[in-house]
Amino acid sequence: GSLRLSCAASGRTFTSYRMGWFRQA
């Protein structure tokens, strides 16, 4: 099957940045 995760950010803004997804089993 499939899932779609979303990450919503608020607060400071950046001209350039990196967003990552990590997981821990």
PDBML (XML) file of the C-alpha atoms, coordinates in Angstrom:
<?xml version="1.0" encoding="UTF-8" ?>
<PDBx:datablock datablockName="MODEL"
   xmlns:PDBx="http://pdbml.pdb.org/schema/pdbx-v50.xsd"
   xmlns:xsi="http://www.w3.org/2001/XMLSchema-instance"
   xsi:schemaLocation="http://pdbml.pdb.org/schema/pdbx-v50.xsd pdbx-v50.xsd">
   <PDBx:atom_siteCategory>
      <PDBx:atom_site id="1">
         <PDBx:B_iso_or_equiv>0.00</PDBx:B_iso_or_equiv>
         <PDBx:Cartn_x>0.000</PDBx:Cartn_x>
         <PDBx:Cartn_y>0.000</PDBx:Cartn_y>
         <PDBx:Cartn_z>0.000</PDBx:Cartn_z>
         <PDBx:auth_asym_id>A</PDBx:auth_asym_id>
         <PDBx:auth_atom_id>CA</PDBx:auth_atom_id>
         <PDBx:auth_comp_id>GLY</PDBx:auth_comp_id>
         <PDBx:auth_seq_id>1</PDBx:auth_seq_id>
         <PDBx:group_PDB>ATOM</PDBx:group_PDB>
         <PDBx:label_alt_id xsi:nil="true" />
         <PDBx:label_asym_id>A</PDBx:label_asym_id>
         <PDBx:label_atom_id>CA</PDBx:label_atom_id>
         <PDBx:label_comp_id>GLY</PDBx:label_comp_id>
         <PDBx:label_entity_id>1</PDBx:label_entity_id>
         <PDBx:label_seq_id>1</PDBx:label_seq_id>
         <PDBx:occupancy>1.00</PDBx:occupancy>
         <PDBx:pdbx_PDB_model_num>1</PDBx:pdbx_PDB_model_num>
         <PDBx:type_symbol>C</PDBx:type_symbol>
      </PDBx:atom_site>
      <PDBx:atom_site id="2">
         <PDBx:B_iso_or_equiv>0.00</PDBx:B_iso_or_equiv>
         <PDBx:Cartn_x>0.780</PDBx:Cartn_x>
         <PDBx:Cartn_y>3.699</PDBx:Cartn_y>
         <PDBx:Cartn_z>0.053</PDBx:Cartn_z>
         <PDBx:auth_asym_id>A</PDBx:auth_asym_id>
         <PDBx:auth_atom_id>CA</PDBx:auth_atom_id>
         <PDBx:auth_comp_id>SER</PDBx:auth_comp_id>
         <PDBx:auth_seq_id>2</PDBx:auth_seq_id>
         <PDBx:group_PDB>ATOM</PDBx:group_PDB>
         <PDBx:label_alt_id xsi:nil="true" />
         <PDBx:label_asym_id>A</PDBx:label_asym_id>
         <PDBx:label_atom_id>CA</PDBx:label_atom_id>
         <PDBx:label_comp_id>SER</PDBx:label_comp_id>
         <PDBx:label_entity_id>1</PDBx:label_entity_id>
         <PDBx:label_seq_id>2</PDBx:label_seq_id>
         <PDBx:occupancy>1.00</PDBx:occupancy>
         <PDBx:pdbx_PDB_model_num>1</PDBx:pdbx_PDB_model_num>
         <PDBx:type_symbol>C</PDBx:type_symbol>
      </PDBx:atom_site>
      <PDBx:atom_site id="3">
         <PDBx:B_iso_or_equiv>0.00</PDBx:B_iso_or_equiv>
         <PDBx:Cartn_x>0.834</PDBx:Cartn_x>
         <PDBx:Cartn_y>6.565</PDBx:Cartn_y>
         <PDBx:Cartn_z>2.516</PDBx:Cartn_z>
         <PDBx:auth_asym_id>A</PDBx:auth_asym_id>
         <PDBx:auth_atom_id>CA</PDBx:auth_atom_id>
         <PDBx:auth_comp_id>LEU</PDBx:auth_comp_id>
         <PDBx:auth_seq_id>3</PDBx:auth_seq_id>
         <PDBx:group_PDB>ATOM</PDBx:group_PDB>
         <PDBx:label_alt_id xsi:nil="true" />
         <PDBx:label_asym_id>A</PDBx:label_asym_id>
         <PDBx:label_atom_id>CA</PDBx:label_atom_id>
         <PDBx:label_comp_id>LEU</PDBx:label_comp_id>
         <PDBx:label_entity_id>1</PDBx:label_entity_id>
         <PDBx:label_seq_id>3</PDBx:label_seq_id>
         <PDBx:occupancy>1.00</PDBx:occupancy>
         <PDBx:pdbx_PDB_model_num>1</PDBx:pdbx_PDB_model_num>
         <PDBx:type_symbol>C</PDBx:type_symbol>
      </PDBx:atom_site>
      <PDBx:atom_site id="4">
         <PDBx:B_iso_or_equiv>0.00</PDBx:B_iso_or_equiv>
         <PDBx:Cartn_x>1.584</PDBx:Cartn_x>
         <PDBx:Cartn_y>10.240</PDBx:Cartn_y>
         <PDBx:Cartn_z>2.148</PDBx:Cartn_z>
         <PDBx:auth_asym_id>A</PDBx:auth_asym_id>
         <PDBx:auth_atom_id>CA</PDBx:auth_atom_id>
         <PDBx:auth_comp_id>ARG</PDBx:auth_comp_id>
         <PDBx:auth_seq_id>4</PDBx:auth_seq_id>
         <PDBx:group_PDB>ATOM</PDBx:group_PDB>
         <PDBx:label_alt_id xsi:nil="true" />
         <PDBx:label_asym_id>A</PDBx:label_asym_id>
         <PDBx:label_atom_id>CA</PDBx:label_atom_id>
         <PDBx:label_comp_id>ARG</PDBx:label_comp_id>
         <PDBx:label_entity_id>1</PDBx:label_entity_id>
         <PDBx:label_seq_id>4</PDBx:label_seq_id>
         <PDBx:occupancy>1.00</PDBx:occupancy>
         <PDBx:pdbx_PDB_model_num>1</PDBx:pdbx_PDB_model_num>
         <PDBx:type_symbol>C</PDBx:type_symbol>
      </PDBx:atom_site>
      <PDBx:atom_site id="5">
         <PDBx:B_iso_or_equiv>0.00</PDBx:B_iso_or_equiv>
         <PDBx:Cartn_x>3.265</PDBx:Cartn_x>
         <PDBx:Cartn_y>12.048</PDBx:Cartn_y>
         <PDBx:Cartn_z>5.022</PDBx:Cartn_z>
         <PDBx:auth_asym_id>A</PDBx:auth_asym_id>
         <PDBx:auth_atom_id>CA</PDBx:auth_atom_id>
         <PDBx:auth_comp_id>LEU</PDBx:auth_comp_id>
         <PDBx:auth_seq_id>5</PDBx:auth_seq_id>
         <PDBx:group_PDB>ATOM</PDBx:group_PDB>
         <PDBx:label_alt_id xsi:nil="true" />
         <PDBx:label_asym_id>A</PDBx:label_asym_id>
         <PDBx:label_atom_id>CA</PDBx:label_atom_id>
         <PDBx:label_comp_id>LEU</PDBx:label_comp_id>
         <PDBx:label_entity_id>1</PDBx:label_entity_id>
         <PDBx:label_seq_id>5</PDBx:label_seq_id>
         <PDBx:occupancy>1.00</PDBx:occupancy>
         <PDBx:pdbx_PDB_model_num>1</PDBx:pdbx_PDB_model_num>
         <PDBx:type_symbol>C</PDBx:type_symbol>
      </PDBx:atom_site>
      <PDBx:atom_site id="6">
         <PDBx:B_iso_or_equiv>0.00</PDBx:B_iso_or_equiv>
         <PDBx:Cartn_x>3.255</PDBx:Cartn_x>
         <PDBx:Cartn_y>15.816</PDBx:Cartn_y>
         <PDBx:Cartn_z>5.335</PDBx:Cartn_z>
         <PDBx:auth_asym_id>A</PDBx:auth_asym_id>
         <PDBx:auth_atom_id>CA</PDBx:auth_atom_id>
         <PDBx:auth_comp_id>SER</PDBx:auth_comp_id>
         <PDBx:auth_seq_id>6</PDBx:auth_seq_id>
         <PDBx:group_PDB>ATOM</PDBx:group_PDB>
         <PDBx:label_alt_id xsi:nil="true" />
         <PDBx:label_asym_id>A</PDBx:label_asym_id>
         <PDBx:label_atom_id>CA</PDBx:label_atom_id>
         <PDBx:label_comp_id>SER</PDBx:label_comp_id>
         <PDBx:label_entity_id>1</PDBx:label_entity_id>
         <PDBx:label_seq_id>6</PDBx:label_seq_id>
         <PDBx:occupancy>1.00</PDBx:occupancy>
         <PDBx:pdbx_PDB_model_num>1</PDBx:pdbx_PDB_model_num>
         <PDBx:type_symbol>C</PDBx:type_symbol>
      </PDBx:atom_site>
      <PDBx:atom_site id="7">
         <PDBx:B_iso_or_equiv>0.00</PDBx:B_iso_or_equiv>
         <PDBx:Cartn_x>5.479</PDBx:Cartn_x>
         <PDBx:Cartn_y>18.094</PDBx:Cartn_y>
         <PDBx:Cartn_z>7.358</PDBx:Cartn_z>
         <PDBx:auth_asym_id>A</PDBx:auth_asym_id>
         <PDBx:auth_atom_id>CA</PDBx:auth_atom_id>
         <PDBx:auth_comp_id>CYS</PDBx:auth_comp_id>
         <PDBx:auth_seq_id>7</PDBx:auth_seq_id>
         <PDBx:group_PDB>ATOM</PDBx:group_PDB>
         <PDBx:label_alt_id xsi:nil="true" />
         <PDBx:label_asym_id>A</PDBx:label_asym_id>
         <PDBx:label_atom_id>CA</PDBx:label_atom_id>
         <PDBx:label_comp_id>CYS</PDBx:label_comp_id>
         <PDBx:label_entity_id>1</PDBx:label_entity_id>
         <PDBx:label_seq_id>7</PDBx:label_seq_id>
         <PDBx:occupancy>1.00</PDBx:occupancy>
         <PDBx:pdbx_PDB_model_num>1</PDBx:pdbx_PDB_model_num>
         <PDBx:type_symbol>C</PDBx:type_symbol>
      </PDBx:atom_site>
      <PDBx:atom_site id="8">
         <PDBx:B_iso_or_equiv>0.00</PDBx:B_iso_or_equiv>
         <PDBx:Cartn_x>4.169</PDBx:Cartn_x>
         <PDBx:Cartn_y>21.575</PDBx:Cartn_y>
         <PDBx:Cartn_z>8.094</PDBx:Cartn_z>
         <PDBx:auth_asym_id>A</PDBx:auth_asym_id>
         <PDBx:auth_atom_id>CA</PDBx:auth_atom_id>
         <PDBx:auth_comp_id>ALA</PDBx:auth_comp_id>
         <PDBx:auth_seq_id>8</PDBx:auth_seq_id>
         <PDBx:group_PDB>ATOM</PDBx:group_PDB>
         <PDBx:label_alt_id xsi:nil="true" />
         <PDBx:label_asym_id>A</PDBx:label_asym_id>
         <PDBx:label_atom_id>CA</PDBx:label_atom_id>
         <PDBx:label_comp_id>ALA</PDBx:label_comp_id>
         <PDBx:label_entity_id>1</PDBx:label_entity_id>
         <PDBx:label_seq_id>8</PDBx:label_seq_id>
         <PDBx:occupancy>1.00</PDBx:occupancy>
         <PDBx:pdbx_PDB_model_num>1</PDBx:pdbx_PDB_model_num>
         <PDBx:type_symbol>C</PDBx:type_symbol>
      </PDBx:atom_site>
      <PDBx:atom_site id="9">
         <PDBx:B_iso_or_equiv>0.00</PDBx:B_iso_or_equiv>
         <PDBx:Cartn_x>6.670</PDBx:Cartn_x>
         <PDBx:Cartn_y>24.178</PDBx:Cartn_y>
         <PDBx:Cartn_z>9.213</PDBx:Cartn_z>
         <PDBx:auth_asym_id>A</PDBx:auth_asym_id>
         <PDBx:auth_atom_id>CA</PDBx:auth_atom_id>
         <PDBx:auth_comp_id>ALA</PDBx:auth_comp_id>
         <PDBx:auth_seq_id>9</PDBx:auth_seq_id>
         <PDBx:group_PDB>ATOM</PDBx:group_PDB>
         <PDBx:label_alt_id xsi:nil="true" />
         <PDBx:label_asym_id>A</PDBx:label_asym_id>
         <PDBx:label_atom_id>CA</PDBx:label_atom_id>
         <PDBx:label_comp_id>ALA</PDBx:label_comp_id>
         <PDBx:label_entity_id>1</PDBx:label_entity_id>
         <PDBx:label_seq_id>9</PDBx:label_seq_id>
         <PDBx:occupancy>1.00</PDBx:occupancy>
         <PDBx:pdbx_PDB_model_num>1</PDBx:pdbx_PDB_model_num>
         <PDBx:type_symbol>C</PDBx:type_symbol>
      </PDBx:atom_site>
      <PDBx:atom_site id="10">
         <PDBx:B_iso_or_equiv>0.00</PDBx:B_iso_or_equiv>
         <PDBx:Cartn_x>5.964</PDBx:Cartn_x>
         <PDBx:Cartn_y>27.417</PDBx:Cartn_y>
         <PDBx:Cartn_z>11.035</PDBx:Cartn_z>
         <PDBx:auth_asym_id>A</PDBx:auth_asym_id>
         <PDBx:auth_atom_id>CA</PDBx:auth_atom_id>
         <PDBx:auth_comp_id>SER</PDBx:auth_comp_id>
         <PDBx:auth_seq_id>10</PDBx:auth_seq_id>
         <PDBx:group_PDB>ATOM</PDBx:group_PDB>
         <PDBx:label_alt_id xsi:nil="true" />
         <PDBx:label_asym_id>A</PDBx:label_asym_id>
         <PDBx:label_atom_id>CA</PDBx:label_atom_id>
         <PDBx:label_comp_id>SER</PDBx:label_comp_id>
         <PDBx:label_entity_id>1</PDBx:label_entity_id>
         <PDBx:label_seq_id>10</PDBx:label_seq_id>
         <PDBx:occupancy>1.00</PDBx:occupancy>
         <PDBx:pdbx_PDB_model_num>1</PDBx:pdbx_PDB_model_num>
         <PDBx:type_symbol>C</PDBx:type_symbol>
      </PDBx:atom_site>
      <PDBx:atom_site id="11">
         <PDBx:B_iso_or_equiv>0.00</PDBx:B_iso_or_equiv>
         <PDBx:Cartn_x>8.032</PDBx:Cartn_x>
         <PDBx:Cartn_y>30.102</PDBx:Cartn_y>
         <PDBx:Cartn_z>12.679</PDBx:Cartn_z>
         <PDBx:auth_asym_id>A</PDBx:auth_asym_id>
         <PDBx:auth_atom_id>CA</PDBx:auth_atom_id>
         <PDBx:auth_comp_id>GLY</PDBx:auth_comp_id>
         <PDBx:auth_seq_id>11</PDBx:auth_seq_id>
         <PDBx:group_PDB>ATOM</PDBx:group_PDB>
         <PDBx:label_alt_id xsi:nil="true" />
         <PDBx:label_asym_id>A</PDBx:label_asym_id>
         <PDBx:label_atom_id>CA</PDBx:label_atom_id>
         <PDBx:label_comp_id>GLY</PDBx:label_comp_id>
         <PDBx:label_entity_id>1</PDBx:label_entity_id>
         <PDBx:label_seq_id>11</PDBx:label_seq_id>
         <PDBx:occupancy>1.00</PDBx:occupancy>
         <PDBx:pdbx_PDB_model_num>1</PDBx:pdbx_PDB_model_num>
         <PDBx:type_symbol>C</PDBx:type_symbol>
      </PDBx:atom_site>
      <PDBx:atom_site id="12">
         <PDBx:B_iso_or_equiv>0.00</PDBx:B_iso_or_equiv>
         <PDBx:Cartn_x>11.256</PDBx:Cartn_x>
         <PDBx:Cartn_y>31.336</PDBx:Cartn_y>
         <PDBx:Cartn_z>11.139</PDBx:Cartn_z>
         <PDBx:auth_asym_id>A</PDBx:auth_asym_id>
         <PDBx:auth_atom_id>CA</PDBx:auth_atom_id>
         <PDBx:auth_comp_id>ARG</PDBx:auth_comp_id>
         <PDBx:auth_seq_id>12</PDBx:auth_seq_id>
         <PDBx:group_PDB>ATOM</PDBx:group_PDB>
         <PDBx:label_alt_id xsi:nil="true" />
         <PDBx:label_asym_id>A</PDBx:label_asym_id>
         <PDBx:label_atom_id>CA</PDBx:label_atom_id>
         <PDBx:label_comp_id>ARG</PDBx:label_comp_id>
         <PDBx:label_entity_id>1</PDBx:label_entity_id>
         <PDBx:label_seq_id>12</PDBx:label_seq_id>
         <PDBx:occupancy>1.00</PDBx:occupancy>
         <PDBx:pdbx_PDB_model_num>1</PDBx:pdbx_PDB_model_num>
         <PDBx:type_symbol>C</PDBx:type_symbol>
      </PDBx:atom_site>
      <PDBx:atom_site id="13">
         <PDBx:B_iso_or_equiv>0.00</PDBx:B_iso_or_equiv>
         <PDBx:Cartn_x>11.640</PDBx:Cartn_x>
         <PDBx:Cartn_y>31.318</PDBx:Cartn_y>
         <PDBx:Cartn_z>7.394</PDBx:Cartn_z>
         <PDBx:auth_asym_id>A</PDBx:auth_asym_id>
         <PDBx:auth_atom_id>CA</PDBx:auth_atom_id>
         <PDBx:auth_comp_id>THR</PDBx:auth_comp_id>
         <PDBx:auth_seq_id>13</PDBx:auth_seq_id>
         <PDBx:group_PDB>ATOM</PDBx:group_PDB>
         <PDBx:label_alt_id xsi:nil="true" />
         <PDBx:label_asym_id>A</PDBx:label_asym_id>
         <PDBx:label_atom_id>CA</PDBx:label_atom_id>
         <PDBx:label_comp_id>THR</PDBx:label_comp_id>
         <PDBx:label_entity_id>1</PDBx:label_entity_id>
         <PDBx:label_seq_id>13</PDBx:label_seq_id>
         <PDBx:occupancy>1.00</PDBx:occupancy>
         <PDBx:pdbx_PDB_model_num>1</PDBx:pdbx_PDB_model_num>
         <PDBx:type_symbol>C</PDBx:type_symbol>
      </PDBx:atom_site>
      <PDBx:atom_site id="14">
         <PDBx:B_iso_or_equiv>0.00</PDBx:B_iso_or_equiv>
         <PDBx:Cartn_x>14.812</PDBx:Cartn_x>
         <PDBx:Cartn_y>30.706</PDBx:Cartn_y>
         <PDBx:Cartn_z>5.437</PDBx:Cartn_z>
         <PDBx:auth_asym_id>A</PDBx:auth_asym_id>
         <PDBx:auth_atom_id>CA</PDBx:auth_atom_id>
         <PDBx:auth_comp_id>PHE</PDBx:auth_comp_id>
         <PDBx:auth_seq_id>14</PDBx:auth_seq_id>
         <PDBx:group_PDB>ATOM</PDBx:group_PDB>
         <PDBx:label_alt_id xsi:nil="true" />
         <PDBx:label_asym_id>A</PDBx:label_asym_id>
         <PDBx:label_atom_id>CA</PDBx:label_atom_id>
         <PDBx:label_comp_id>PHE</PDBx:label_comp_id>
         <PDBx:label_entity_id>1</PDBx:label_entity_id>
         <PDBx:label_seq_id>14</PDBx:label_seq_id>
         <PDBx:occupancy>1.00</PDBx:occupancy>
         <PDBx:pdbx_PDB_model_num>1</PDBx:pdbx_PDB_model_num>
         <PDBx:type_symbol>C</PDBx:type_symbol>
      </PDBx:atom_site>
      <PDBx:atom_site id="15">
         <PDBx:B_iso_or_equiv>0.00</PDBx:B_iso_or_equiv>
         <PDBx:Cartn_x>15.950</PDBx:Cartn_x>
         <PDBx:Cartn_y>31.663</PDBx:Cartn_y>
         <PDBx:Cartn_z>1.981</PDBx:Cartn_z>
         <PDBx:auth_asym_id>A</PDBx:auth_asym_id>
         <PDBx:auth_atom_id>CA</PDBx:auth_atom_id>
         <PDBx:auth_comp_id>THR</PDBx:auth_comp_id>
         <PDBx:auth_seq_id>15</PDBx:auth_seq_id>
         <PDBx:group_PDB>ATOM</PDBx:group_PDB>
         <PDBx:label_alt_id xsi:nil="true" />
         <PDBx:label_asym_id>A</PDBx:label_asym_id>
         <PDBx:label_atom_id>CA</PDBx:label_atom_id>
         <PDBx:label_comp_id>THR</PDBx:label_comp_id>
         <PDBx:label_entity_id>1</PDBx:label_entity_id>
         <PDBx:label_seq_id>15</PDBx:label_seq_id>
         <PDBx:occupancy>1.00</PDBx:occupancy>
         <PDBx:pdbx_PDB_model_num>1</PDBx:pdbx_PDB_model_num>
         <PDBx:type_symbol>C</PDBx:type_symbol>
      </PDBx:atom_site>
      <PDBx:atom_site id="16">
         <PDBx:B_iso_or_equiv>0.00</PDBx:B_iso_or_equiv>
         <PDBx:Cartn_x>17.417</PDBx:Cartn_x>
         <PDBx:Cartn_y>28.237</PDBx:Cartn_y>
         <PDBx:Cartn_z>1.508</PDBx:Cartn_z>
         <PDBx:auth_asym_id>A</PDBx:auth_asym_id>
         <PDBx:auth_atom_id>CA</PDBx:auth_atom_id>
         <PDBx:auth_comp_id>SER</PDBx:auth_comp_id>
         <PDBx:auth_seq_id>16</PDBx:auth_seq_id>
         <PDBx:group_PDB>ATOM</PDBx:group_PDB>
         <PDBx:label_alt_id xsi:nil="true" />
         <PDBx:label_asym_id>A</PDBx:label_asym_id>
         <PDBx:label_atom_id>CA</PDBx:label_atom_id>
         <PDBx:label_comp_id>SER</PDBx:label_comp_id>
         <PDBx:label_entity_id>1</PDBx:label_entity_id>
         <PDBx:label_seq_id>16</PDBx:label_seq_id>
         <PDBx:occupancy>1.00</PDBx:occupancy>
         <PDBx:pdbx_PDB_model_num>1</PDBx:pdbx_PDB_model_num>
         <PDBx:type_symbol>C</PDBx:type_symbol>
      </PDBx:atom_site>
      <PDBx:atom_site id="17">
         <PDBx:B_iso_or_equiv>0.00</PDBx:B_iso_or_equiv>
         <PDBx:Cartn_x>17.121</PDBx:Cartn_x>
         <PDBx:Cartn_y>25.199</PDBx:Cartn_y>
         <PDBx:Cartn_z>3.718</PDBx:Cartn_z>
         <PDBx:auth_asym_id>A</PDBx:auth_asym_id>
         <PDBx:auth_atom_id>CA</PDBx:auth_atom_id>
         <PDBx:auth_comp_id>TYR</PDBx:auth_comp_id>
         <PDBx:auth_seq_id>17</PDBx:auth_seq_id>
         <PDBx:group_PDB>ATOM</PDBx:group_PDB>
         <PDBx:label_alt_id xsi:nil="true" />
         <PDBx:label_asym_id>A</PDBx:label_asym_id>
         <PDBx:label_atom_id>CA</PDBx:label_atom_id>
         <PDBx:label_comp_id>TYR</PDBx:label_comp_id>
         <PDBx:label_entity_id>1</PDBx:label_entity_id>
         <PDBx:label_seq_id>17</PDBx:label_seq_id>
         <PDBx:occupancy>1.00</PDBx:occupancy>
         <PDBx:pdbx_PDB_model_num>1</PDBx:pdbx_PDB_model_num>
         <PDBx:type_symbol>C</PDBx:type_symbol>
      </PDBx:atom_site>
      <PDBx:atom_site id="18">
         <PDBx:B_iso_or_equiv>0.00</PDBx:B_iso_or_equiv>
         <PDBx:Cartn_x>16.961</PDBx:Cartn_x>
         <PDBx:Cartn_y>21.478</PDBx:Cartn_y>
         <PDBx:Cartn_z>3.671</PDBx:Cartn_z>
         <PDBx:auth_asym_id>A</PDBx:auth_asym_id>
         <PDBx:auth_atom_id>CA</PDBx:auth_atom_id>
         <PDBx:auth_comp_id>ARG</PDBx:auth_comp_id>
         <PDBx:auth_seq_id>18</PDBx:auth_seq_id>
         <PDBx:group_PDB>ATOM</PDBx:group_PDB>
         <PDBx:label_alt_id xsi:nil="true" />
         <PDBx:label_asym_id>A</PDBx:label_asym_id>
         <PDBx:label_atom_id>CA</PDBx:label_atom_id>
         <PDBx:label_comp_id>ARG</PDBx:label_comp_id>
         <PDBx:label_entity_id>1</PDBx:label_entity_id>
         <PDBx:label_seq_id>18</PDBx:label_seq_id>
         <PDBx:occupancy>1.00</PDBx:occupancy>
         <PDBx:pdbx_PDB_model_num>1</PDBx:pdbx_PDB_model_num>
         <PDBx:type_symbol>C</PDBx:type_symbol>
      </PDBx:atom_site>
      <PDBx:atom_site id="19">
         <PDBx:B_iso_or_equiv>0.00</PDBx:B_iso_or_equiv>
         <PDBx:Cartn_x>14.101</PDBx:Cartn_x>
         <PDBx:Cartn_y>19.376</PDBx:Cartn_y>
         <PDBx:Cartn_z>4.956</PDBx:Cartn_z>
         <PDBx:auth_asym_id>A</PDBx:auth_asym_id>
         <PDBx:auth_atom_id>CA</PDBx:auth_atom_id>
         <PDBx:auth_comp_id>MET</PDBx:auth_comp_id>
         <PDBx:auth_seq_id>19</PDBx:auth_seq_id>
         <PDBx:group_PDB>ATOM</PDBx:group_PDB>
         <PDBx:label_alt_id xsi:nil="true" />
         <PDBx:label_asym_id>A</PDBx:label_asym_id>
         <PDBx:label_atom_id>CA</PDBx:label_atom_id>
         <PDBx:label_comp_id>MET</PDBx:label_comp_id>
         <PDBx:label_entity_id>1</PDBx:label_entity_id>
         <PDBx:label_seq_id>19</PDBx:label_seq_id>
         <PDBx:occupancy>1.00</PDBx:occupancy>
         <PDBx:pdbx_PDB_model_num>1</PDBx:pdbx_PDB_model_num>
         <PDBx:type_symbol>C</PDBx:type_symbol>
      </PDBx:atom_site>
      <PDBx:atom_site id="20">
         <PDBx:B_iso_or_equiv>0.00</PDBx:B_iso_or_equiv>
         <PDBx:Cartn_x>14.674</PDBx:Cartn_x>
         <PDBx:Cartn_y>15.748</PDBx:Cartn_y>
         <PDBx:Cartn_z>5.667</PDBx:Cartn_z>
         <PDBx:auth_asym_id>A</PDBx:auth_asym_id>
         <PDBx:auth_atom_id>CA</PDBx:auth_atom_id>
         <PDBx:auth_comp_id>GLY</PDBx:auth_comp_id>
         <PDBx:auth_seq_id>20</PDBx:auth_seq_id>
         <PDBx:group_PDB>ATOM</PDBx:group_PDB>
         <PDBx:label_alt_id xsi:nil="true" />
         <PDBx:label_asym_id>A</PDBx:label_asym_id>
         <PDBx:label_atom_id>CA</PDBx:label_atom_id>
         <PDBx:label_comp_id>GLY</PDBx:label_comp_id>
         <PDBx:label_entity_id>1</PDBx:label_entity_id>
         <PDBx:label_seq_id>20</PDBx:label_seq_id>
         <PDBx:occupancy>1.00</PDBx:occupancy>
         <PDBx:pdbx_PDB_model_num>1</PDBx:pdbx_PDB_model_num>
         <PDBx:type_symbol>C</PDBx:type_symbol>
      </PDBx:atom_site>
      <PDBx:atom_site id="21">
         <PDBx:B_iso_or_equiv>0.00</PDBx:B_iso_or_equiv>
         <PDBx:Cartn_x>12.672</PDBx:Cartn_x>
         <PDBx:Cartn_y>12.713</PDBx:Cartn_y>
         <PDBx:Cartn_z>6.641</PDBx:Cartn_z>
         <PDBx:auth_asym_id>A</PDBx:auth_asym_id>
         <PDBx:auth_atom_id>CA</PDBx:auth_atom_id>
         <PDBx:auth_comp_id>TRP</PDBx:auth_comp_id>
         <PDBx:auth_seq_id>21</PDBx:auth_seq_id>
         <PDBx:group_PDB>ATOM</PDBx:group_PDB>
         <PDBx:label_alt_id xsi:nil="true" />
         <PDBx:label_asym_id>A</PDBx:label_asym_id>
         <PDBx:label_atom_id>CA</PDBx:label_atom_id>
         <PDBx:label_comp_id>TRP</PDBx:label_comp_id>
         <PDBx:label_entity_id>1</PDBx:label_entity_id>
         <PDBx:label_seq_id>21</PDBx:label_seq_id>
         <PDBx:occupancy>1.00</PDBx:occupancy>
         <PDBx:pdbx_PDB_model_num>1</PDBx:pdbx_PDB_model_num>
         <PDBx:type_symbol>C</PDBx:type_symbol>
      </PDBx:atom_site>
      <PDBx:atom_site id="22">
         <PDBx:B_iso_or_equiv>0.00</PDBx:B_iso_or_equiv>
         <PDBx:Cartn_x>14.172</PDBx:Cartn_x>
         <PDBx:Cartn_y>10.196</PDBx:Cartn_y>
         <PDBx:Cartn_z>9.016</PDBx:Cartn_z>
         <PDBx:auth_asym_id>A</PDBx:auth_asym_id>
         <PDBx:auth_atom_id>CA</PDBx:auth_atom_id>
         <PDBx:auth_comp_id>PHE</PDBx:auth_comp_id>
         <PDBx:auth_seq_id>22</PDBx:auth_seq_id>
         <PDBx:group_PDB>ATOM</PDBx:group_PDB>
         <PDBx:label_alt_id xsi:nil="true" />
         <PDBx:label_asym_id>A</PDBx:label_asym_id>
         <PDBx:label_atom_id>CA</PDBx:label_atom_id>
         <PDBx:label_comp_id>PHE</PDBx:label_comp_id>
         <PDBx:label_entity_id>1</PDBx:label_entity_id>
         <PDBx:label_seq_id>22</PDBx:label_seq_id>
         <PDBx:occupancy>1.00</PDBx:occupancy>
         <PDBx:pdbx_PDB_model_num>1</PDBx:pdbx_PDB_model_num>
         <PDBx:type_symbol>C</PDBx:type_symbol>
      </PDBx:atom_site>
      <PDBx:atom_site id="23">
         <PDBx:B_iso_or_equiv>0.00</PDBx:B_iso_or_equiv>
         <PDBx:Cartn_x>12.695</PDBx:Cartn_x>
         <PDBx:Cartn_y>7.111</PDBx:Cartn_y>
         <PDBx:Cartn_z>10.636</PDBx:Cartn_z>
         <PDBx:auth_asym_id>A</PDBx:auth_asym_id>
         <PDBx:auth_atom_id>CA</PDBx:auth_atom_id>
         <PDBx:auth_comp_id>ARG</PDBx:auth_comp_id>
         <PDBx:auth_seq_id>23</PDBx:auth_seq_id>
         <PDBx:group_PDB>ATOM</PDBx:group_PDB>
         <PDBx:label_alt_id xsi:nil="true" />
         <PDBx:label_asym_id>A</PDBx:label_asym_id>
         <PDBx:label_atom_id>CA</PDBx:label_atom_id>
         <PDBx:label_comp_id>ARG</PDBx:label_comp_id>
         <PDBx:label_entity_id>1</PDBx:label_entity_id>
         <PDBx:label_seq_id>23</PDBx:label_seq_id>
         <PDBx:occupancy>1.00</PDBx:occupancy>
         <PDBx:pdbx_PDB_model_num>1</PDBx:pdbx_PDB_model_num>
         <PDBx:type_symbol>C</PDBx:type_symbol>
      </PDBx:atom_site>
      <PDBx:atom_site id="24">
         <PDBx:B_iso_or_equiv>0.00</PDBx:B_iso_or_equiv>
         <PDBx:Cartn_x>13.309</PDBx:Cartn_x>
         <PDBx:Cartn_y>5.014</PDBx:Cartn_y>
         <PDBx:Cartn_z>13.687</PDBx:Cartn_z>
         <PDBx:auth_asym_id>A</PDBx:auth_asym_id>
         <PDBx:auth_atom_id>CA</PDBx:auth_atom_id>
         <PDBx:auth_comp_id>GLN</PDBx:auth_comp_id>
         <PDBx:auth_seq_id>24</PDBx:auth_seq_id>
         <PDBx:group_PDB>ATOM</PDBx:group_PDB>
         <PDBx:label_alt_id xsi:nil="true" />
         <PDBx:label_asym_id>A</PDBx:label_asym_id>
         <PDBx:label_atom_id>CA</PDBx:label_atom_id>
         <PDBx:label_comp_id>GLN</PDBx:label_comp_id>
         <PDBx:label_entity_id>1</PDBx:label_entity_id>
         <PDBx:label_seq_id>24</PDBx:label_seq_id>
         <PDBx:occupancy>1.00</PDBx:occupancy>
         <PDBx:pdbx_PDB_model_num>1</PDBx:pdbx_PDB_model_num>
         <PDBx:type_symbol>C</PDBx:type_symbol>
      </PDBx:atom_site>
      <PDBx:atom_site id="25">
         <PDBx:B_iso_or_equiv>0.00</PDBx:B_iso_or_equiv>
         <PDBx:Cartn_x>12.094</PDBx:Cartn_x>
         <PDBx:Cartn_y>1.454</PDBx:Cartn_y>
         <PDBx:Cartn_z>14.058</PDBx:Cartn_z>
         <PDBx:auth_asym_id>A</PDBx:auth_asym_id>
         <PDBx:auth_atom_id>CA</PDBx:auth_atom_id>
         <PDBx:auth_comp_id>ALA</PDBx:auth_comp_id>
         <PDBx:auth_seq_id>25</PDBx:auth_seq_id>
         <PDBx:group_PDB>ATOM</PDBx:group_PDB>
         <PDBx:label_alt_id xsi:nil="true" />
         <PDBx:label_asym_id>A</PDBx:label_asym_id>
         <PDBx:label_atom_id>CA</PDBx:label_atom_id>
         <PDBx:label_comp_id>ALA</PDBx:label_comp_id>
         <PDBx:label_entity_id>1</PDBx:label_entity_id>
         <PDBx:label_seq_id>25</PDBx:label_seq_id>
         <PDBx:occupancy>1.00</PDBx:occupancy>
         <PDBx:pdbx_PDB_model_num>1</PDBx:pdbx_PDB_model_num>
         <PDBx:type_symbol>C</PDBx:type_symbol>
      </PDBx:atom_site>
   </PDBx:atom_siteCategory>
</PDBx:datablock>
